[in-house]
Amino acid sequence: MRISRSRASGTALLTLAAAGALTTALLTPLGASADDSTTTEDPCKDFPALSDADRRAGNCVPGNDIARMNDRGTKLDTEQDEQSSSNVRRLKTIPKQGSFASVDALNSDLAFSGRYAYAGNYNGFTVYDLKNPAKPKVLSQVVCPGSQNDVSVYGDLLVLSTDSSRSDDSCESTAQSATIKDSWEGIKVFDISNPRVPEYVSAVETPCGSHTHTLAPKARKGGWGHDKKGGKGRKGEDLYVYVSSYSPSASFPDCQPPLDSIGVVKIPTDKPEKASLVNVPVLFPDGGNPGNGYTRATSGCHDLTAYPSKDIMAGACMGDGILLDISDREKPVVTENVRDDNFAFWHSATFNNDATKVVFTDELGGGGAPTCNPTVGPEKGANGIYDITRRGELTFKSYYKIPRTQANTENCVAHNGSLVPVKGKDIMVQAWYQGGWSMFDFTDSANPKEIAWHDRGPYDAAELVTAGPWSTYYYNGYIYSNEIQRGFDVFKVDDRRIRGAERVRFDELNPQSQPRYRE
């Protein structure tokens, strides 16, 4: 492993049926255990929607820090309620509903399987029927509190992340301090063979919980993500789940410092009830980036993106960006490490289709601050685009940040996105919270160019409320966005530069587990 040194500068389950009727099914996970988190001294008490990892890290933005990002008097680029480039149409929005409707119930990540979208929320997940993408319908809603509830799907299995300390691993759990040994955080596994009534199958406790997770099944004929042949019950196949979490504390029995590792969970696809933690590999034996007052010290990873068919993975680990070899799924090995003084918090990563480039994101302010303005500038809270050399080394090429100045009541920073599968091109669509979403071409990694965008304007013009797109992904011809407060959005982009993408069809898509599309 080499380190490229920093660049200069900076069992109750509630199901909402499509017909609107509420039904309750009693579902108890096999091997149910106990209990999880809320700290006594909460530095983020004014940010009730934050996950426990963010609370442990103090990953909220104090008022004086927000004031330093203030650009009062700067002319805004999007002064109307909703604007977009001329090639974008918003087709449909389904508002949050039921137990997911409150401001504190944040919408989170998205995953796709066949004609269904699975949308995470801090209180559970929603299944949307995309038979007619322009008119999606709510098929079911699973109430299972435990932020962030990031979701991934594989065949008939759905994996859900819990990173808020709970009283037990059931869907009826309540918040419980991580200082209590019996508290619980980790991943939950559901059977979604009938997406109208998902069934809770098992749970696995993991060190410091699961802020996010990444799937990496063993290679199968036809390539990962294209040849879904029946779901759970793929005999002899194991689904590996890489679990990311961060910010340990000496007062947390199950989340002790140092946290230089990730969790590896193994799920036998034909016996998902036997899911178990099989390894906790140390990624930073030297402790990782110690931090410099601006860049966060490394104490775990925020997000990992696997490219299973190529046996590689990229990690965004607070103060470090890394590449890993995952040819041995249970024993990932770090092969490359980079740092950048402009990055406050390495948040996520996306490969291009050839895995010759990777886009890392910097979540300056933890997603709760107005960083899209001239005061913060174009190189912080941005994407860092890197080439991957033939020797597997990361070479910095450029930054990309949305060019529109946002209001001081809009949290805005680089967040989750996915590739748009255009032959011979590297194009990505990405969420920017209240900055909306942006589609950009990074085929020339030194000169990325925006080709489409959408921005709704401030959720609240008077005060900063966490809102905007959490995840924005391309799936089979449409853009889907899980808007934190407003709901599930569907968009269409009509542009000759991406029309070729409509020839690529995925049976399944988890953007943190990238499939290779045929060019």
Protein backbone atom coordinates (compact mmCIF):
# COMPACT_ATOMS: atom_id res chain seq x y z
CA MET A 1 0.00 0.00 0.00
CA ARG A 2 1.22 3.51 -0.77
CA ILE A 3 -0.09 6.83 0.53
CA SER A 4 -0.29 9.80 -1.81
CA ARG A 5 0.19 12.76 0.46
CA SER A 6 -2.26 15.61 0.66
CA ARG A 7 -2.79 18.17 -2.03
CA ALA A 8 -2.26 21.73 -1.03
CA SER A 9 -5.19 23.84 0.36
CA GLY A 10 -8.05 22.21 1.59
CA THR A 11 -41.71 -7.92 15.73
CA ALA A 12 -43.95 -5.51 14.59
CA LEU A 13 -43.86 -4.51 11.02
CA LEU A 14 -46.32 -2.01 9.64
CA THR A 15 -47.14 -2.43 5.97
CA LEU A 16 -48.97 0.18 3.92
CA ALA A 17 -50.69 -1.57 1.04
CA ALA A 18 -51.02 0.11 -2.32
CA ALA A 19 -54.78 0.34 -1.89
CA GLY A 20 -54.19 2.54 1.15
CA ALA A 21 -55.25 0.08 3.86
CA LEU A 22 -53.00 -0.31 6.90
CA THR A 23 -52.21 -3.84 8.01
CA THR A 24 -49.94 -5.13 10.74
CA ALA A 25 -47.87 -8.31 10.52
CA LEU A 26 -45.94 -9.71 13.47
CA LEU A 27 -42.42 -10.49 12.32
CA THR A 28 -39.63 -11.49 14.67
CA PRO A 29 -36.07 -11.85 13.30
CA LEU A 30 -34.46 -15.21 13.89
CA GLY A 31 -31.94 -15.06 16.71
CA ALA A 32 -33.25 -11.74 18.03
CA SER A 33 -30.88 -10.13 20.51
CA ALA A 34 -30.94 -6.88 22.47
CA ASP A 35 -30.41 -3.11 22.75
CA ASP A 36 -28.67 0.42 21.48
CA SER A 37 -27.94 4.53 21.52
CA THR A 38 -28.34 8.20 22.53
CA THR A 39 -25.47 9.90 24.34
CA THR A 40 -25.79 11.81 27.59
CA GLU A 41 -24.03 14.98 26.40
CA ASP A 42 -25.35 15.54 22.92
CA PRO A 43 -23.39 18.18 20.99
CA CYS A 44 -25.97 17.88 18.21
CA LYS A 45 -29.12 18.33 20.32
CA ASP A 46 -30.46 20.86 17.84
CA PHE A 47 -30.10 18.34 15.01
CA PRO A 48 -32.58 15.59 16.03
CA ALA A 49 -32.46 13.77 12.71
CA LEU A 50 -28.76 12.93 12.79
CA SER A 51 -27.59 9.32 13.02
CA ASP A 52 -25.66 8.15 16.07
CA ALA A 53 -22.36 8.04 14.18
CA ASP A 54 -22.78 11.72 13.39
CA ARG A 55 -23.67 12.46 17.00
CA ARG A 56 -20.65 10.56 18.30
CA ALA A 57 -18.48 12.51 15.91
CA GLY A 58 -20.09 15.83 16.77
CA ASN A 59 -20.77 15.90 13.05
CA CYS A 60 -23.20 18.77 13.25
CA VAL A 61 -22.32 22.32 12.39
CA PRO A 62 -22.31 24.85 15.25
CA GLY A 63 -23.86 28.22 14.56
CA ASN A 64 -20.51 30.02 14.46
CA ASP A 65 -19.25 27.62 11.76
CA ILE A 66 -22.39 28.16 9.71
CA ALA A 67 -21.88 31.90 10.12
CA ARG A 68 -18.41 31.56 8.58
CA MET A 69 -20.03 29.96 5.52
CA ASN A 70 -22.57 32.79 5.28
CA ASP A 71 -22.70 34.56 1.94
CA ARG A 72 -25.30 37.15 2.81
CA GLY A 73 -25.69 39.66 0.00
CA THR A 74 -24.44 37.34 -2.73
CA LYS A 75 -26.86 37.13 -5.64
CA LEU A 76 -28.48 33.69 -5.79
CA ASP A 77 -28.49 31.75 -9.03
CA THR A 78 -31.82 30.05 -8.30
CA GLU A 79 -34.18 32.63 -6.83
CA GLN A 80 -37.39 30.97 -8.01
CA ASP A 81 -39.00 28.07 -6.17
CA GLU A 82 -38.01 25.53 -8.83
CA GLN A 83 -35.58 25.72 -11.73
CA SER A 84 -33.76 23.31 -14.00
CA SER A 85 -31.81 23.08 -17.21
CA SER A 86 -34.07 23.02 -20.28
CA ASN A 87 -33.50 19.29 -20.87
CA VAL A 88 -35.04 18.22 -17.52
CA ARG A 89 -38.68 17.44 -16.65
CA ARG A 90 -39.95 16.47 -13.21
CA LEU A 91 -42.59 13.82 -13.93
CA LYS A 92 -43.86 12.91 -10.49
CA THR A 93 -43.39 13.44 -6.76
CA ILE A 94 -44.89 11.12 -4.15
CA PRO A 95 -44.87 12.95 -0.79
CA LYS A 96 -43.70 11.27 2.39
CA GLN A 97 -46.60 9.65 4.22
CA GLY A 98 -47.66 7.78 7.31
CA SER A 99 -44.89 7.18 9.85
CA PHE A 100 -42.40 8.70 7.42
CA ALA A 101 -44.06 12.10 7.08
CA SER A 102 -42.42 14.05 9.92
CA VAL A 103 -39.50 16.44 9.43
CA ASP A 104 -37.30 14.22 11.62
CA ALA A 105 -38.05 11.15 9.47
CA LEU A 106 -35.46 11.78 6.79
CA ASN A 107 -35.61 9.97 3.47
CA SER A 108 -32.27 8.27 2.78
CA ASP A 109 -30.84 5.89 0.17
CA LEU A 110 -32.36 4.03 -2.81
CA ALA A 111 -31.96 0.59 -4.41
CA PHE A 112 -33.69 -1.00 -7.40
CA SER A 113 -34.80 -4.49 -8.40
CA GLY A 114 -36.86 -5.16 -11.50
CA ARG A 115 -39.84 -2.82 -11.54
CA TYR A 116 -39.45 -1.82 -7.89
CA ALA A 117 -37.57 0.92 -6.06
CA TYR A 118 -36.71 0.49 -2.38
CA ALA A 119 -36.42 3.81 -0.57
CA GLY A 120 -34.87 4.14 2.87
CA ASN A 121 -36.20 6.43 5.58
CA TYR A 122 -35.01 6.92 9.17
CA ASN A 123 -38.22 5.12 10.24
CA GLY A 124 -38.07 2.20 7.78
CA PHE A 125 -38.37 1.77 4.01
CA THR A 126 -40.94 2.17 1.23
CA VAL A 127 -41.42 -0.05 -1.82
CA TYR A 128 -42.46 1.79 -4.99
CA ASP A 129 -43.90 0.10 -8.08
CA LEU A 130 -42.24 1.55 -11.20
CA LYS A 131 -44.29 -0.34 -13.79
CA ASN A 132 -45.11 3.07 -15.21
CA PRO A 133 -42.05 5.13 -14.18
CA ALA A 134 -43.88 8.40 -14.82
CA LYS A 135 -46.60 7.34 -12.39
CA PRO A 136 -44.97 5.32 -9.59
CA LYS A 137 -47.16 3.91 -6.84
CA VAL A 138 -46.54 3.06 -3.20
CA LEU A 139 -46.68 -0.73 -2.96
CA SER A 140 -45.80 -1.15 0.71
CA GLN A 141 -44.21 0.64 3.63
CA VAL A 142 -42.20 -1.10 6.34
CA VAL A 143 -41.96 0.69 9.69
CA CYS A 144 -38.67 -0.26 11.34
CA PRO A 145 -36.99 2.72 13.09
CA GLY A 146 -33.20 2.98 13.14
CA SER A 147 -31.41 5.60 11.08
CA GLN A 148 -30.11 5.80 8.48
CA ASN A 149 -31.86 2.72 7.12
CA ASP A 150 -29.73 2.70 3.98
CA VAL A 151 -30.97 -0.09 1.70
CA SER A 152 -29.50 -2.57 -0.77
CA VAL A 153 -31.16 -5.45 -2.60
CA TYR A 154 -29.91 -8.74 -4.02
CA GLY A 155 -32.40 -11.16 -5.53
CA ASP A 156 -35.06 -11.75 -2.90
CA LEU A 157 -33.02 -10.17 -0.10
CA LEU A 158 -32.97 -6.62 1.21
CA VAL A 159 -30.29 -5.38 3.62
CA LEU A 160 -31.00 -2.44 5.94
CA SER A 161 -28.43 -0.43 7.95
CA THR A 162 -29.07 0.61 11.57
CA ASP A 163 -26.76 3.25 12.99
CA SER A 164 -28.84 4.57 15.87
CA SER A 165 -28.46 2.67 19.11
CA ARG A 166 -31.63 0.68 19.82
CA SER A 167 -33.13 -1.33 22.68
CA ASP A 168 -33.04 -4.50 20.54
CA ASP A 169 -32.90 -5.63 16.91
CA SER A 170 -36.66 -5.77 16.34
CA CYS A 171 -38.77 -3.32 14.37
CA GLU A 172 -40.46 -2.35 17.65
CA SER A 173 -37.21 -1.21 19.26
CA THR A 174 -36.79 2.14 20.99
CA ALA A 175 -33.79 4.43 21.28
CA GLN A 176 -31.35 3.34 23.98
CA SER A 177 -27.95 4.73 24.89
CA ALA A 178 -24.87 3.11 23.37
CA THR A 179 -23.33 3.30 26.85
CA ILE A 180 -25.54 0.31 27.76
CA LYS A 181 -23.88 -2.99 26.85
CA ASP A 182 -27.10 -4.62 25.63
CA SER A 183 -27.84 -1.89 23.12
CA TRP A 184 -27.97 -2.95 19.48
CA GLU A 185 -26.81 -1.57 16.11
CA GLY A 186 -26.05 -3.41 12.89
CA ILE A 187 -27.76 -4.76 9.77
CA LYS A 188 -31.17 -6.34 9.23
CA VAL A 189 -32.08 -8.76 6.45
CA PHE A 190 -35.53 -8.96 4.83
CA ASP A 191 -37.06 -11.41 2.36
CA ILE A 192 -38.63 -9.33 -0.43
CA SER A 193 -39.80 -12.23 -2.62
CA ASN A 194 -43.24 -10.67 -2.08
CA PRO A 195 -42.53 -6.93 -2.14
CA ARG A 196 -46.08 -6.25 -0.94
CA VAL A 197 -45.25 -7.90 2.38
CA PRO A 198 -41.49 -7.92 3.11
CA GLU A 199 -40.54 -10.45 5.77
CA TYR A 200 -37.93 -9.75 8.45
CA VAL A 201 -35.50 -12.69 8.41
CA SER A 202 -32.40 -11.97 10.51
CA ALA A 203 -30.19 -9.36 12.13
CA VAL A 204 -26.44 -9.10 12.73
CA GLU A 205 -24.90 -6.81 15.34
CA THR A 206 -21.76 -5.05 14.10
CA PRO A 207 -19.15 -2.92 15.91
CA CYS A 208 -20.39 0.69 16.13
CA GLY A 209 -23.44 -0.24 14.07
CA SER A 210 -23.89 0.22 10.33
CA HIS A 211 -23.86 3.78 9.03
CA THR A 212 -23.80 2.42 5.48
CA HIS A 213 -23.18 -0.97 3.86
CA THR A 214 -22.00 -2.37 0.54
CA LEU A 215 -22.85 -5.68 -1.16
CA ALA A 216 -20.29 -7.88 -2.89
CA PRO A 217 -21.58 -11.33 -3.87
CA LYS A 218 -19.25 -13.89 -5.33
CA ALA A 219 -18.87 -13.58 -9.09
CA ARG A 220 -21.52 -15.27 -11.14
CA LYS A 221 -21.95 -16.08 -14.80
CA GLY A 222 -23.02 -13.15 -16.92
CA GLY A 223 -21.65 -10.37 -14.77
CA TRP A 224 -22.80 -8.76 -11.58
CA GLY A 225 -26.17 -7.05 -11.66
CA HIS A 226 -27.35 -8.18 -15.10
CA ASP A 227 -28.43 -11.80 -14.80
CA LYS A 228 -30.70 -12.02 -11.79
CA LYS A 229 -31.93 -15.62 -11.84
CA GLY A 230 -34.20 -16.03 -8.90
CA GLY A 231 -33.27 -14.51 -5.50
CA LYS A 232 -32.52 -16.19 -2.29
CA GLY A 233 -31.95 -19.82 -2.99
CA ARG A 234 -29.06 -19.33 -5.40
CA LYS A 235 -27.49 -22.49 -4.10
CA GLY A 236 -23.94 -22.21 -2.84
CA GLU A 237 -23.78 -18.46 -3.31
CA ASP A 238 -22.78 -16.11 -0.50
CA LEU A 239 -23.61 -12.44 -0.27
CA TYR A 240 -20.92 -10.44 1.50
CA VAL A 241 -21.86 -7.18 3.17
CA TYR A 242 -19.15 -4.64 4.00
CA VAL A 243 -20.30 -2.56 6.95
CA SER A 244 -19.05 1.00 7.47
CA SER A 245 -19.31 2.96 10.70
CA TYR A 246 -17.22 5.53 12.51
CA SER A 247 -16.62 7.63 15.61
CA PRO A 248 -16.03 5.26 18.54
CA SER A 249 -16.14 6.30 22.20
CA ALA A 250 -14.52 4.88 25.32
CA SER A 251 -17.96 5.05 26.97
CA PHE A 252 -19.53 2.71 24.39
CA PRO A 253 -18.90 -0.98 25.24
CA ASP A 254 -19.52 -2.13 21.66
CA CYS A 255 -17.85 0.80 19.91
CA GLN A 256 -14.42 1.20 21.46
CA PRO A 257 -11.56 3.24 19.98
CA PRO A 258 -9.55 2.91 17.90
CA LEU A 259 -11.94 2.09 15.08
CA ASP A 260 -9.60 1.37 12.19
CA SER A 261 -11.71 -1.40 10.72
CA ILE A 262 -14.87 -2.35 8.85
CA GLY A 263 -17.22 -5.28 9.39
CA VAL A 264 -17.67 -8.18 6.97
CA VAL A 265 -21.02 -9.99 7.18
CA LYS A 266 -21.67 -13.20 5.25
CA ILE A 267 -25.24 -14.04 4.17
CA PRO A 268 -25.79 -17.48 2.62
CA THR A 269 -28.39 -16.61 -0.01
CA ASP A 270 -30.23 -19.90 0.42
CA LYS A 271 -30.17 -19.59 4.24
CA PRO A 272 -30.25 -15.86 5.04
CA GLU A 273 -31.31 -16.59 8.61
CA LYS A 274 -27.72 -17.77 9.15
CA ALA A 275 -26.18 -14.37 8.38
CA SER A 276 -23.15 -13.69 10.59
CA LEU A 277 -20.20 -11.38 11.16
CA VAL A 278 -17.17 -13.24 9.77
CA ASN A 279 -14.38 -10.67 9.98
CA VAL A 280 -13.48 -7.21 11.26
CA PRO A 281 -10.42 -6.37 9.14
CA VAL A 282 -8.18 -3.47 10.17
CA LEU A 283 -7.73 -1.05 7.27
CA PHE A 284 -5.56 1.52 9.02
CA PRO A 285 -2.92 -0.21 11.18
CA ASP A 286 -1.15 3.13 11.56
CA GLY A 287 -4.35 4.81 12.76
CA GLY A 288 -5.14 6.61 9.50
CA ASN A 289 -5.20 10.35 9.00
CA PRO A 290 -4.72 12.09 12.38
CA GLY A 291 -6.63 15.14 11.16
CA ASN A 292 -5.43 18.71 10.92
CA GLY A 293 -8.23 20.79 12.42
CA TYR A 294 -10.06 20.96 9.09
CA THR A 295 -9.84 17.44 7.71
CA ARG A 296 -11.42 14.96 10.11
CA ALA A 297 -9.24 12.35 11.80
CA THR A 298 -9.94 8.86 10.50
CA SER A 299 -11.83 6.64 12.93
CA GLY A 300 -13.67 4.31 10.57
CA CYS A 301 -15.18 4.57 7.09
CA HIS A 302 -18.29 6.42 5.98
CA ASP A 303 -18.92 4.60 2.74
CA LEU A 304 -17.47 1.86 0.55
CA THR A 305 -18.25 1.29 -3.13
CA ALA A 306 -17.52 -2.17 -4.52
CA TYR A 307 -17.02 -3.19 -8.13
CA PRO A 308 -17.56 -6.92 -7.54
CA SER A 309 -16.85 -8.12 -11.09
CA LYS A 310 -13.42 -6.46 -10.89
CA ASP A 311 -12.72 -7.44 -7.27
CA ILE A 312 -12.01 -3.87 -6.22
CA MET A 313 -13.56 -1.40 -3.82
CA ALA A 314 -13.12 2.31 -3.08
CA GLY A 315 -13.44 3.61 0.45
CA ALA A 316 -14.29 7.08 1.74
CA CYS A 317 -12.97 6.98 5.28
CA MET A 318 -13.28 10.39 6.96
CA GLY A 319 -9.70 11.61 6.48
CA ASP A 320 -8.63 9.08 3.85
CA GLY A 321 -9.61 7.91 0.39
CA ILE A 322 -8.60 4.31 -0.30
CA LEU A 323 -8.68 1.50 -2.85
CA LEU A 324 -9.02 -2.13 -1.78
CA ASP A 325 -8.54 -5.56 -3.31
CA ILE A 326 -11.59 -7.72 -2.49
CA SER A 327 -10.66 -10.84 -4.46
CA ASP A 328 -10.82 -12.60 -1.09
CA ARG A 329 -14.22 -11.29 -0.01
CA GLU A 330 -13.61 -11.97 3.67
CA LYS A 331 -10.17 -10.35 3.73
CA PRO A 332 -10.15 -7.00 1.91
CA VAL A 333 -6.70 -5.43 1.54
CA VAL A 334 -5.94 -1.71 1.18
CA THR A 335 -3.80 -1.12 -1.92
CA GLU A 336 -3.81 2.68 -2.22
CA ASN A 337 -4.44 5.68 0.04
CA VAL A 338 -4.81 9.39 -0.76
CA ARG A 339 -5.45 12.51 1.28
CA ASP A 340 -6.48 16.04 0.36
CA ASP A 341 -6.37 19.07 2.64
CA ASN A 342 -9.41 20.47 0.81
CA PHE A 343 -11.48 17.48 1.88
CA ALA A 344 -13.07 17.91 5.31
CA PHE A 345 -14.81 14.52 5.31
CA TRP A 346 -14.30 11.77 2.72
CA HIS A 347 -17.88 10.63 2.23
CA SER A 348 -18.47 8.35 -0.79
CA ALA A 349 -17.00 7.09 -4.06
CA THR A 350 -18.08 6.15 -7.60
CA PHE A 351 -16.01 4.30 -10.22
CA ASN A 352 -16.38 4.88 -13.93
CA ASN A 353 -17.41 1.81 -15.93
CA ASP A 354 -13.82 0.80 -16.79
CA ALA A 355 -12.65 1.36 -13.20
CA THR A 356 -9.95 3.68 -14.51
CA LYS A 357 -11.35 6.64 -12.56
CA VAL A 358 -13.04 7.24 -9.24
CA VAL A 359 -15.07 10.22 -8.04
CA PHE A 360 -14.73 10.85 -4.29
CA THR A 361 -17.09 13.23 -2.48
CA ASP A 362 -16.35 15.62 0.37
CA GLU A 363 -19.28 16.06 2.76
CA LEU A 364 -18.11 19.31 4.33
CA GLY A 365 -20.42 20.20 7.23
CA GLY A 366 -21.89 16.69 7.44
CA GLY A 367 -24.69 17.57 5.03
CA GLY A 368 -26.12 20.18 7.38
CA ALA A 369 -24.44 23.38 6.20
CA PRO A 370 -24.73 25.91 3.35
CA THR A 371 -21.44 25.23 1.53
CA CYS A 372 -22.47 26.02 -2.07
CA ASN A 373 -21.43 29.65 -2.25
CA PRO A 374 -18.38 31.79 -3.13
CA THR A 375 -17.29 32.05 0.52
CA VAL A 376 -16.67 28.31 0.71
CA GLY A 377 -15.54 28.17 -2.91
CA PRO A 378 -15.43 25.53 -5.66
CA GLU A 379 -12.83 23.18 -4.13
CA LYS A 380 -14.42 22.40 -0.76
CA GLY A 381 -17.58 20.37 -0.27
CA ALA A 382 -16.93 19.18 -3.82
CA ASN A 383 -16.09 16.04 -5.76
CA GLY A 384 -12.47 15.07 -6.24
CA ILE A 385 -11.95 13.22 -9.54
CA TYR A 386 -9.03 10.79 -9.69
CA ASP A 387 -7.55 8.66 -12.44
CA ILE A 388 -6.48 5.13 -11.50
CA THR A 389 -3.16 4.30 -13.17
CA ARG A 390 -2.20 0.88 -14.51
CA ARG A 391 -0.22 0.40 -11.32
CA GLY A 392 -3.38 1.01 -9.31
CA GLU A 393 -2.34 4.43 -8.07
CA LEU A 394 -4.75 7.34 -7.61
CA THR A 395 -3.85 10.55 -9.45
CA PHE A 396 -5.84 13.70 -8.72
CA LYS A 397 -7.23 15.42 -11.83
CA SER A 398 -9.88 18.00 -10.83
CA TYR A 399 -12.71 19.13 -8.58
CA TYR A 400 -16.36 19.32 -9.55
CA LYS A 401 -18.95 21.35 -7.66
CA ILE A 402 -22.31 22.70 -8.77
CA PRO A 403 -21.83 26.26 -10.05
CA ARG A 404 -25.07 27.74 -8.65
CA THR A 405 -24.92 29.82 -5.48
CA GLN A 406 -27.40 28.53 -2.90
CA ALA A 407 -29.16 30.38 -0.08
CA ASN A 408 -27.83 30.37 3.49
CA THR A 409 -30.94 28.42 4.52
CA GLU A 410 -30.02 25.57 2.15
CA ASN A 411 -27.80 22.70 3.24
CA CYS A 412 -25.78 21.92 0.14
CA VAL A 413 -22.76 19.68 -0.45
CA ALA A 414 -21.72 16.73 -2.63
CA HIS A 415 -23.71 13.58 -1.85
CA ASN A 416 -24.85 10.26 -3.39
CA GLY A 417 -24.93 9.61 -7.12
CA SER A 418 -24.54 6.97 -9.82
CA LEU A 419 -23.27 6.51 -13.34
CA VAL A 420 -25.42 7.17 -16.40
CA PRO A 421 -24.48 4.20 -18.64
CA VAL A 422 -23.46 5.89 -21.90
CA LYS A 423 -21.09 3.97 -24.18
CA GLY A 424 -17.64 5.52 -24.34
CA LYS A 425 -18.50 8.26 -21.84
CA ASP A 426 -18.16 8.81 -18.11
CA ILE A 427 -21.34 10.55 -16.96
CA MET A 428 -22.69 10.76 -13.43
CA VAL A 429 -25.86 12.11 -11.82
CA GLN A 430 -25.56 13.19 -8.20
CA ALA A 431 -27.56 14.59 -5.28
CA TRP A 432 -26.49 17.86 -3.66
CA TYR A 433 -29.11 18.13 -0.90
CA GLN A 434 -30.86 21.51 -1.32
CA GLY A 435 -28.53 22.26 -4.20
CA GLY A 436 -30.76 19.80 -6.08
CA TRP A 437 -29.07 17.34 -8.40
CA SER A 438 -26.53 17.66 -11.16
CA MET A 439 -25.55 15.48 -14.12
CA PHE A 440 -21.98 15.93 -15.34
CA ASP A 441 -19.58 14.44 -17.86
CA PHE A 442 -16.13 13.54 -16.49
CA THR A 443 -14.85 11.68 -19.55
CA ASP A 444 -12.08 14.27 -19.53
CA SER A 445 -11.31 13.87 -15.84
CA ALA A 446 -9.42 17.16 -15.74
CA ASN A 447 -12.35 19.11 -17.21
CA PRO A 448 -15.75 17.88 -15.97
CA LYS A 449 -18.77 19.59 -17.53
CA GLU A 450 -22.37 19.85 -16.32
CA ILE A 451 -25.02 18.70 -18.80
CA ALA A 452 -28.26 18.78 -16.75
CA TRP A 453 -29.53 19.96 -13.36
CA HIS A 454 -32.59 20.51 -11.20
CA ASP A 455 -33.06 22.72 -8.12
CA ARG A 456 -36.30 23.25 -6.18
CA GLY A 457 -35.13 26.22 -4.12
CA PRO A 458 -35.13 26.44 -0.30
CA TYR A 459 -37.35 24.07 1.66
CA ASP A 460 -37.70 26.87 4.23
CA ALA A 461 -36.61 30.37 3.26
CA ALA A 462 -36.51 31.53 6.89
CA GLU A 463 -34.34 28.86 8.51
CA LEU A 464 -32.03 26.01 7.60
CA VAL A 465 -33.90 22.69 7.70
CA THR A 466 -32.17 19.50 6.52
CA ALA A 467 -33.76 18.81 3.13
CA GLY A 468 -33.07 18.19 -0.54
CA PRO A 469 -32.12 15.07 -2.51
CA TRP A 470 -30.23 12.51 -0.38
CA SER A 471 -29.65 10.12 -3.29
CA THR A 472 -30.18 10.72 -6.99
CA TYR A 473 -29.65 7.77 -9.33
CA TYR A 474 -30.17 6.79 -12.97
CA TYR A 475 -32.13 3.56 -13.49
CA ASN A 476 -33.39 2.25 -16.83
CA GLY A 477 -34.09 5.54 -18.55
CA TYR A 478 -35.18 7.73 -15.64
CA ILE A 479 -33.68 9.73 -12.79
CA TYR A 480 -34.99 8.82 -9.34
CA SER A 481 -34.34 10.99 -6.31
CA ASN A 482 -35.18 10.43 -2.66
CA GLU A 483 -35.86 13.96 -1.41
CA ILE A 484 -35.33 14.15 2.35
CA GLN A 485 -38.50 16.12 3.11
CA ARG A 486 -40.58 16.32 -0.05
CA GLY A 487 -40.67 12.65 -1.04
CA PHE A 488 -39.83 10.38 -3.98
CA ASP A 489 -39.13 12.18 -7.27
CA VAL A 490 -39.02 10.94 -10.87
CA PHE A 491 -37.32 12.93 -13.63
CA LYS A 492 -36.67 12.56 -17.34
CA VAL A 493 -33.63 14.05 -19.06
CA ASP A 494 -33.98 14.53 -22.81
CA ASP A 495 -30.48 15.07 -24.15
CA ARG A 496 -28.69 13.49 -27.10
CA ARG A 497 -25.57 13.05 -24.96
CA ILE A 498 -27.27 10.41 -22.79
CA ARG A 499 -29.76 8.80 -25.16
CA GLY A 500 -27.49 5.81 -25.59
CA ALA A 501 -28.01 4.98 -21.91
CA GLU A 502 -31.56 3.84 -22.65
CA ARG A 503 -30.17 0.78 -24.44
CA VAL A 504 -28.69 -0.44 -21.15
CA ARG A 505 -31.14 -2.24 -18.85
CA PHE A 506 -30.42 -3.35 -15.32
CA ASP A 507 -32.34 -6.06 -13.50
CA GLU A 508 -30.93 -4.78 -10.24
CA LEU A 509 -29.04 -1.68 -9.13
CA ASN A 510 -27.26 -0.81 -5.90
CA PRO A 511 -25.05 2.18 -6.75
CA GLN A 512 -22.60 1.28 -3.95
CA SER A 513 -22.16 -2.16 -5.58
CA GLN A 514 -21.46 -1.15 -9.14
CA PRO A 515 -22.40 -3.41 -12.05
CA ARG A 516 -20.38 -3.30 -15.23
CA TYR A 517 -22.58 -2.36 -18.15
CA ARG A 518 -21.85 -3.61 -21.65
CA GLU A 519 -20.43 -0.98 -23.97
